[in-house]
Amino acid sequence: MVKIRLSRFGSAHNPHYRIVVADVRRPRDGGYIENLGHYDPRKTSENYLKINAERAAYWLAQGAQPTQTARRLLKSQGVKVA
């Protein structure tokens, strides 16, 4: 099964996340199929959330399941999530 989820990067006490398409059997920060964007939960810059909506819609159409957090972020960017 393929999921749209967050993968953590950044230093200690300074989290940043990549929004990625990954196989569920891979570790959280392991290899992924495609990078869809990034998210900074601390909102340190004005573009703290960036998602390639076209590619996200493609993966959702292919059956990828977003996690709850990824679903919330996708909806905030106007991506139709079932």
C-alpha atoms as a PDB file:
ATOM      1  CA  MET A   1       0.000   0.000   0.000  1.00  0.00           C
ATOM      2  CA  VAL A   2       1.171   3.509  -0.786  1.00  0.00           C
ATOM      3  CA  LYS A   3       0.673   6.417   1.627  1.00  0.00           C
ATOM      4  CA  ILE A   4       1.096  10.165   1.491  1.00  0.00           C
ATOM      5  CA  ARG A   5       2.832  11.051   4.749  1.00  0.00           C
ATOM      6  CA  LEU A   6       5.361  13.319   6.429  1.00  0.00           C
ATOM      7  CA  SER A   7       9.060  12.533   6.588  1.00  0.00           C
ATOM      8  CA  ARG A   8      11.043  14.464   9.198  1.00  0.00           C
ATOM      9  CA  PHE A   9      14.245  16.332   8.500  1.00  0.00           C
ATOM     10  CA  GLY A  10      15.900  19.347  10.083  1.00  0.00           C
ATOM     11  CA  SER A  11      17.969  19.619  13.234  1.00  0.00           C
ATOM     12  CA  ALA A  12      17.069  18.900  16.840  1.00  0.00           C
ATOM     13  CA  HIS A  13      14.299  21.174  18.149  1.00  0.00           C
ATOM     14  CA  ASN A  14      13.847  22.564  14.614  1.00  0.00           C
ATOM     15  CA  PRO A  15      11.553  20.135  12.790  1.00  0.00           C
ATOM     16  CA  HIS A  16      10.826  20.375   9.095  1.00  0.00           C
ATOM     17  CA  TYR A  17       8.888  17.810   7.141  1.00  0.00           C
ATOM     18  CA  ARG A  18       8.789  16.621   3.557  1.00  0.00           C
ATOM     19  CA  ILE A  19       5.397  15.541   2.266  1.00  0.00           C
ATOM     20  CA  VAL A  20       6.188  12.307   0.457  1.00  0.00           C
ATOM     21  CA  VAL A  21       4.590   9.328  -1.252  1.00  0.00           C
ATOM     22  CA  ALA A  22       6.032   6.174   0.308  1.00  0.00           C
ATOM     23  CA  ASP A  23       5.369   2.484   0.688  1.00  0.00           C
ATOM     24  CA  VAL A  24       3.990   1.696   4.152  1.00  0.00           C
ATOM     25  CA  ARG A  25       6.748  -0.862   4.753  1.00  0.00           C
ATOM     26  CA  ARG A  26       9.476   1.809   4.571  1.00  0.00           C
ATOM     27  CA  PRO A  27      10.656   3.602   7.732  1.00  0.00           C
ATOM     28  CA  ARG A  28       9.411   7.140   8.388  1.00  0.00           C
ATOM     29  CA  ASP A  29      12.602   8.823   7.182  1.00  0.00           C
ATOM     30  CA  GLY A  30      13.580   6.088   4.731  1.00  0.00           C
ATOM     31  CA  GLY A  31      13.332   6.052   0.963  1.00  0.00           C
ATOM     32  CA  TYR A  32      10.238   7.397  -0.732  1.00  0.00           C
ATOM     33  CA  ILE A  33       8.685   7.273  -4.188  1.00  0.00           C
ATOM     34  CA  GLU A  34       8.128  11.002  -4.743  1.00  0.00           C
ATOM     35  CA  ASN A  35       8.509  14.254  -2.829  1.00  0.00           C
ATOM     36  CA  LEU A  36       5.305  16.352  -3.041  1.00  0.00           C
ATOM     37  CA  GLY A  37       6.363  19.360  -0.992  1.00  0.00           C
ATOM     38  CA  HIS A  38       7.470  20.576   2.424  1.00  0.00           C
ATOM     39  CA  TYR A  39       5.990  21.791   5.709  1.00  0.00           C
ATOM     40  CA  ASP A  40       7.475  23.878   8.540  1.00  0.00           C
ATOM     41  CA  PRO A  41       5.228  23.542  11.619  1.00  0.00           C
ATOM     42  CA  ARG A  42       6.994  26.442  13.351  1.00  0.00           C
ATOM     43  CA  LYS A  43       6.011  28.768  10.480  1.00  0.00           C
ATOM     44  CA  THR A  44       9.380  30.529  10.490  1.00  0.00           C
ATOM     45  CA  SER A  45       8.915  31.818   6.930  1.00  0.00           C
ATOM     46  CA  GLU A  46       5.962  32.946   4.866  1.00  0.00           C
ATOM     47  CA  ASN A  47       6.093  29.865   2.622  1.00  0.00           C
ATOM     48  CA  TYR A  48       5.965  27.340   5.463  1.00  0.00           C
ATOM     49  CA  LEU A  49       3.753  24.990   3.429  1.00  0.00           C
ATOM     50  CA  LYS A  50       4.249  24.121  -0.213  1.00  0.00           C
ATOM     51  CA  ILE A  51       2.556  21.202  -1.974  1.00  0.00           C
ATOM     52  CA  ASN A  52       2.537  20.204  -5.626  1.00  0.00           C
ATOM     53  CA  ALA A  53      -1.283  19.883  -5.817  1.00  0.00           C
ATOM     54  CA  GLU A  54      -1.281  18.373  -9.302  1.00  0.00           C
ATOM     55  CA  ARG A  55       1.000  15.475  -8.310  1.00  0.00           C
ATOM     56  CA  ALA A  56      -0.868  14.996  -5.000  1.00  0.00           C
ATOM     57  CA  ALA A  57      -4.163  14.676  -6.902  1.00  0.00           C
ATOM     58  CA  TYR A  58      -2.511  12.166  -9.249  1.00  0.00           C
ATOM     59  CA  TRP A  59      -1.342   9.963  -6.369  1.00  0.00           C
ATOM     60  CA  LEU A  60      -4.742  10.155  -4.658  1.00  0.00           C
ATOM     61  CA  ALA A  61      -6.347   9.027  -7.935  1.00  0.00           C
ATOM     62  CA  GLN A  62      -3.904   6.094  -8.016  1.00  0.00           C
ATOM     63  CA  GLY A  63      -5.118   4.965  -4.579  1.00  0.00           C
ATOM     64  CA  ALA A  64      -2.557   6.507  -2.217  1.00  0.00           C
ATOM     65  CA  GLN A  65      -3.950   6.963   1.306  1.00  0.00           C
ATOM     66  CA  PRO A  66      -2.968  10.171   3.160  1.00  0.00           C
ATOM     67  CA  THR A  67      -2.280  10.123   6.893  1.00  0.00           C
ATOM     68  CA  GLN A  68      -4.456  12.387   9.052  1.00  0.00           C
ATOM     69  CA  THR A  69      -1.874  15.173   9.143  1.00  0.00           C
ATOM     70  CA  ALA A  70      -1.172  14.899   5.419  1.00  0.00           C
ATOM     71  CA  ARG A  71      -4.936  14.977   4.738  1.00  0.00           C
ATOM     72  CA  ARG A  72      -5.283  18.196   6.759  1.00  0.00           C
ATOM     73  CA  LEU A  73      -2.376  19.834   4.911  1.00  0.00           C
ATOM     74  CA  LEU A  74      -3.668  18.736   1.500  1.00  0.00           C
ATOM     75  CA  LYS A  75      -7.140  20.118   2.246  1.00  0.00           C
ATOM     76  CA  SER A  76      -5.640  23.436   3.335  1.00  0.00           C
ATOM     77  CA  GLN A  77      -3.999  23.698  -0.112  1.00  0.00           C
ATOM     78  CA  GLY A  78      -7.249  22.929  -1.938  1.00  0.00           C
ATOM     79  CA  VAL A  79      -6.538  19.331  -2.938  1.00  0.00           C
ATOM     80  CA  LYS A  80      -9.708  17.209  -3.064  1.00  0.00           C
ATOM     81  CA  VAL A  81      -9.316  14.348  -0.586  1.00  0.00           C
ATOM     82  CA  ALA A  82     -12.035  11.693  -0.439  1.00  0.00           C
END
